[in-house]
Amino acid sequence: MSDLLEILMIVSFGASWPMNLIKSIKTKSTQGKSLAFLILIFAGYICGIAAKLLAPPFKWYVMFFYVLNLSMVGADIIIYAINYRREKRHR
């Protein structure tokens, strides 16, 4: 039961990332974004993954959602950097 609740928590956190990524790609802007926030979330997911790796038994179905969210936040950081450079060139 605790695994299910943890998955639901991670899915709830991760549900907004695809929309956030699409918005960043469409607007080509860093407005309303915080790089520090994105990095903090990224670090949090890394810590969650490390905790799962250190606490046997390994549960791939929980880890899948951590890695999925980590990859979306990582993509958002990359898009932020691209948009930041674009904005800097056009100033």
Protein backbone atom coordinates (compact mmCIF):
# COMPACT_ATOMS: atom_id res chain seq x y z
CA MET A 1 0.00 0.00 0.00
CA SER A 2 2.83 2.42 0.82
CA ASP A 3 4.36 1.82 -2.63
CA LEU A 4 1.06 2.70 -4.29
CA LEU A 5 0.75 5.90 -2.26
CA GLU A 6 4.34 6.83 -3.11
CA ILE A 7 3.68 6.25 -6.81
CA LEU A 8 0.54 8.40 -6.61
CA MET A 9 2.56 11.16 -4.94
CA ILE A 10 5.26 11.04 -7.61
CA VAL A 11 2.70 10.91 -10.43
CA SER A 12 0.90 13.90 -8.91
CA PHE A 13 4.14 15.88 -8.78
CA GLY A 14 5.08 14.79 -12.27
CA ALA A 15 1.74 15.45 -13.95
CA SER A 16 2.52 19.12 -14.48
CA TRP A 17 5.98 18.68 -16.04
CA PRO A 18 4.82 17.78 -19.57
CA MET A 19 2.58 20.86 -19.67
CA ASN A 20 5.42 22.97 -18.30
CA LEU A 21 7.81 21.66 -20.95
CA ILE A 22 5.36 22.32 -23.77
CA LYS A 23 4.79 25.87 -22.51
CA SER A 24 8.55 26.52 -22.37
CA ILE A 25 9.03 25.19 -25.89
CA LYS A 26 6.12 27.21 -27.33
CA THR A 27 6.87 30.51 -25.59
CA LYS A 28 10.66 30.28 -25.97
CA SER A 29 10.90 32.25 -22.75
CA THR A 30 12.27 31.88 -19.23
CA GLN A 31 9.57 34.19 -17.83
CA GLY A 32 8.02 32.73 -14.71
CA LYS A 33 10.76 30.12 -14.38
CA SER A 34 13.37 29.77 -11.67
CA LEU A 35 16.55 27.88 -12.48
CA ALA A 36 17.30 27.51 -8.76
CA PHE A 37 13.88 25.89 -8.26
CA LEU A 38 14.41 23.48 -11.17
CA ILE A 39 17.83 22.48 -9.87
CA LEU A 40 16.44 21.96 -6.37
CA ILE A 41 13.68 19.69 -7.70
CA PHE A 42 16.23 17.83 -9.84
CA ALA A 43 18.43 17.27 -6.76
CA GLY A 44 15.39 16.10 -4.81
CA TYR A 45 14.60 13.43 -7.38
CA ILE A 46 18.24 12.29 -7.35
CA CYS A 47 18.02 11.93 -3.57
CA GLY A 48 14.77 9.98 -3.92
CA ILE A 49 16.39 7.65 -6.44
CA ALA A 50 19.43 7.18 -4.18
CA ALA A 51 17.14 6.38 -1.25
CA LYS A 52 15.33 3.74 -3.31
CA LEU A 53 18.64 2.19 -4.42
CA LEU A 54 19.90 2.02 -0.83
CA ALA A 55 16.70 0.59 0.68
CA PRO A 56 16.17 -3.01 -0.37
CA PRO A 57 14.20 -4.57 -1.85
CA PHE A 58 14.59 -2.72 -5.15
CA LYS A 59 11.20 -1.85 -6.64
CA TRP A 60 11.53 -0.99 -10.31
CA TYR A 61 7.90 0.15 -10.61
CA VAL A 62 8.50 2.94 -8.05
CA MET A 63 11.91 3.79 -9.51
CA PHE A 64 10.36 4.16 -12.98
CA PHE A 65 8.33 7.18 -11.86
CA TYR A 66 11.30 8.80 -10.11
CA VAL A 67 13.41 8.45 -13.26
CA LEU A 68 10.55 9.68 -15.47
CA ASN A 69 10.13 12.83 -13.37
CA LEU A 70 13.91 13.35 -13.17
CA SER A 71 14.16 13.20 -16.96
CA MET A 72 11.33 15.72 -17.40
CA VAL A 73 12.93 18.14 -14.94
CA GLY A 74 16.28 17.62 -16.68
CA ALA A 75 14.66 18.41 -20.02
CA ASP A 76 13.11 21.53 -18.51
CA ILE A 77 16.55 22.67 -17.29
CA ILE A 78 17.96 22.17 -20.79
CA ILE A 79 15.07 24.09 -22.37
CA TYR A 80 15.56 26.84 -19.78
CA ALA A 81 19.23 27.14 -20.80
CA ILE A 82 18.33 27.26 -24.50
CA ASN A 83 15.66 29.89 -23.93
CA TYR A 84 17.97 31.91 -21.68
CA ARG A 85 20.66 32.02 -24.37
CA ARG A 86 18.06 32.99 -26.96
CA GLU A 87 16.78 35.81 -24.76
CA LYS A 88 20.30 37.02 -24.06
CA ARG A 89 21.11 37.21 -27.79
CA HIS A 90 17.98 39.25 -28.50
CA ARG A 91 18.56 41.90 -25.82
